[in-house]
Every structure is written in C-alpha cells, then in structure tokens.
Amino acid sequence: MSFKIPAGMKKRVDLLAEATRRSRTFVIEEAIEQYLTTNEWQVQSIQAGLNDLDNGRVLSQEEMEKLWDE
C-alpha cells in the first residue's frame, strides 16, 4: 500500500520517529492502529445502542434521572 500525505504531516511523522528512535513505518502503523481501534469501538458502540433501541431496551429521561439519584 502506498499513499501521499501533506508535507507538514510527513515532517511531523519524521520528527516523532526521530524523537522516539522508531522508524517512520512504525510511527505510521501505530497511528493507523490507534485510529482503527478508536473508530471500530465507536462504530460498535453506536451499533449496540441502535440494537438496544430496536429491541426496546431504552429508559425514559425520568427513569434515568431516578437511577442517577439512587
């Protein structure tokens, strides 16, 4: 896989790689891994919430406030 990134972003990658004594590839792979992990979690959480809604597993505002007060 290959791709182009803006010059400023490349410079940031290079500086981080140098500061951490890692390769540019390592820095980019770590960044992609963190991005995927975060966004996969977010999409899965949204889907779980939608599934709860579809299956009637919801609370009213009043029910939620009562739970918080307890």
C-alpha atoms as a PDB file:
ATOM      1  CA  MET A   1       0.000   0.000   0.000  1.00  0.00           C
ATOM      2  CA  SER A   2       1.256   3.435  -0.736  1.00  0.00           C
ATOM      3  CA  PHE A   3      -0.240   6.863  -0.241  1.00  0.00           C
ATOM      4  CA  LYS A   4       0.702  10.504  -0.199  1.00  0.00           C
ATOM      5  CA  ILE A   5       0.460  12.760   2.828  1.00  0.00           C
ATOM      6  CA  PRO A   6       0.903  16.513   3.094  1.00  0.00           C
ATOM      7  CA  ALA A   7       4.487  17.695   3.590  1.00  0.00           C
ATOM      8  CA  GLY A   8       3.701  19.084   7.040  1.00  0.00           C
ATOM      9  CA  MET A   9       2.317  15.754   8.207  1.00  0.00           C
ATOM     10  CA  LYS A  10       5.343  13.909   6.826  1.00  0.00           C
ATOM     11  CA  LYS A  11       7.591  16.270   8.757  1.00  0.00           C
ATOM     12  CA  ARG A  12       5.644  15.565  11.953  1.00  0.00           C
ATOM     13  CA  VAL A  13       5.989  11.810  11.380  1.00  0.00           C
ATOM     14  CA  ASP A  14       9.708  12.194  10.761  1.00  0.00           C
ATOM     15  CA  LEU A  15      10.201  14.300  13.896  1.00  0.00           C
ATOM     16  CA  LEU A  16       8.262  11.838  16.037  1.00  0.00           C
ATOM     17  CA  ALA A  17      10.155   8.882  14.589  1.00  0.00           C
ATOM     18  CA  GLU A  18      13.450  10.596  15.325  1.00  0.00           C
ATOM     19  CA  ALA A  19      12.431  11.620  18.844  1.00  0.00           C
ATOM     20  CA  THR A  20      11.256   8.112  19.722  1.00  0.00           C
ATOM     21  CA  ARG A  21      14.061   6.337  17.829  1.00  0.00           C
ATOM     22  CA  ARG A  22      11.476   4.468  15.804  1.00  0.00           C
ATOM     23  CA  SER A  23      11.085   4.071  12.087  1.00  0.00           C
ATOM     24  CA  ARG A  24       8.692   6.188  10.072  1.00  0.00           C
ATOM     25  CA  THR A  25       6.829   2.957   9.247  1.00  0.00           C
ATOM     26  CA  PHE A  26       6.429   2.158  12.949  1.00  0.00           C
ATOM     27  CA  VAL A  27       5.004   5.612  13.712  1.00  0.00           C
ATOM     28  CA  ILE A  28       2.543   5.402  10.814  1.00  0.00           C
ATOM     29  CA  GLU A  29       1.471   1.841  11.694  1.00  0.00           C
ATOM     30  CA  GLU A  30       0.908   2.850  15.327  1.00  0.00           C
ATOM     31  CA  ALA A  31      -1.140   5.864  14.264  1.00  0.00           C
ATOM     32  CA  ILE A  32      -3.298   3.744  11.957  1.00  0.00           C
ATOM     33  CA  GLU A  33      -3.744   1.074  14.635  1.00  0.00           C
ATOM     34  CA  GLN A  34      -4.905   3.640  17.203  1.00  0.00           C
ATOM     35  CA  TYR A  35      -7.248   5.259  14.689  1.00  0.00           C
ATOM     36  CA  LEU A  36      -8.797   1.921  13.731  1.00  0.00           C
ATOM     37  CA  THR A  37      -9.165   0.786  17.335  1.00  0.00           C
ATOM     38  CA  THR A  38     -10.876   4.014  18.382  1.00  0.00           C
ATOM     39  CA  ASN A  39     -13.194   4.197  15.401  1.00  0.00           C
ATOM     40  CA  GLU A  40     -14.087   0.492  15.450  1.00  0.00           C
ATOM     41  CA  TRP A  41     -15.029   0.865  19.128  1.00  0.00           C
ATOM     42  CA  GLN A  42     -17.123   3.922  18.347  1.00  0.00           C
ATOM     43  CA  VAL A  43     -18.983   2.244  15.469  1.00  0.00           C
ATOM     44  CA  GLN A  44     -19.584  -0.909  17.549  1.00  0.00           C
ATOM     45  CA  SER A  45     -20.910   1.179  20.448  1.00  0.00           C
ATOM     46  CA  ILE A  46     -23.252   3.094  18.173  1.00  0.00           C
ATOM     47  CA  GLN A  47     -24.488  -0.151  16.639  1.00  0.00           C
ATOM     48  CA  ALA A  48     -25.050  -1.661  20.098  1.00  0.00           C
ATOM     49  CA  GLY A  49     -27.074   1.410  21.085  1.00  0.00           C
ATOM     50  CA  LEU A  50     -29.156   1.171  17.923  1.00  0.00           C
ATOM     51  CA  ASN A  51     -29.737  -2.529  18.591  1.00  0.00           C
ATOM     52  CA  ASP A  52     -30.903  -1.681  22.121  1.00  0.00           C
ATOM     53  CA  LEU A  53     -33.278   0.889  20.672  1.00  0.00           C
ATOM     54  CA  ASP A  54     -34.608  -1.570  18.081  1.00  0.00           C
ATOM     55  CA  ASN A  55     -35.208  -4.149  20.823  1.00  0.00           C
ATOM     56  CA  GLY A  56     -36.934  -1.750  23.196  1.00  0.00           C
ATOM     57  CA  ARG A  57     -34.097  -1.661  25.728  1.00  0.00           C
ATOM     58  CA  VAL A  58     -34.385   2.038  26.496  1.00  0.00           C
ATOM     59  CA  LEU A  59     -35.102   4.235  29.509  1.00  0.00           C
ATOM     60  CA  SER A  60     -37.041   7.452  29.649  1.00  0.00           C
ATOM     61  CA  GLN A  61     -35.364  10.623  30.875  1.00  0.00           C
ATOM     62  CA  GLU A  62     -37.280  10.323  34.140  1.00  0.00           C
ATOM     63  CA  GLU A  63     -36.199   6.694  34.668  1.00  0.00           C
ATOM     64  CA  MET A  64     -32.580   7.614  34.008  1.00  0.00           C
ATOM     65  CA  GLU A  65     -32.670  10.545  36.412  1.00  0.00           C
ATOM     66  CA  LYS A  66     -34.167   8.296  39.089  1.00  0.00           C
ATOM     67  CA  LEU A  67     -31.308   5.818  38.629  1.00  0.00           C
ATOM     68  CA  TRP A  68     -28.737   8.606  38.905  1.00  0.00           C
ATOM     69  CA  ASP A  69     -30.329   9.885  42.082  1.00  0.00           C
ATOM     70  CA  GLU A  70     -30.142   6.480  43.777  1.00  0.00           C
END
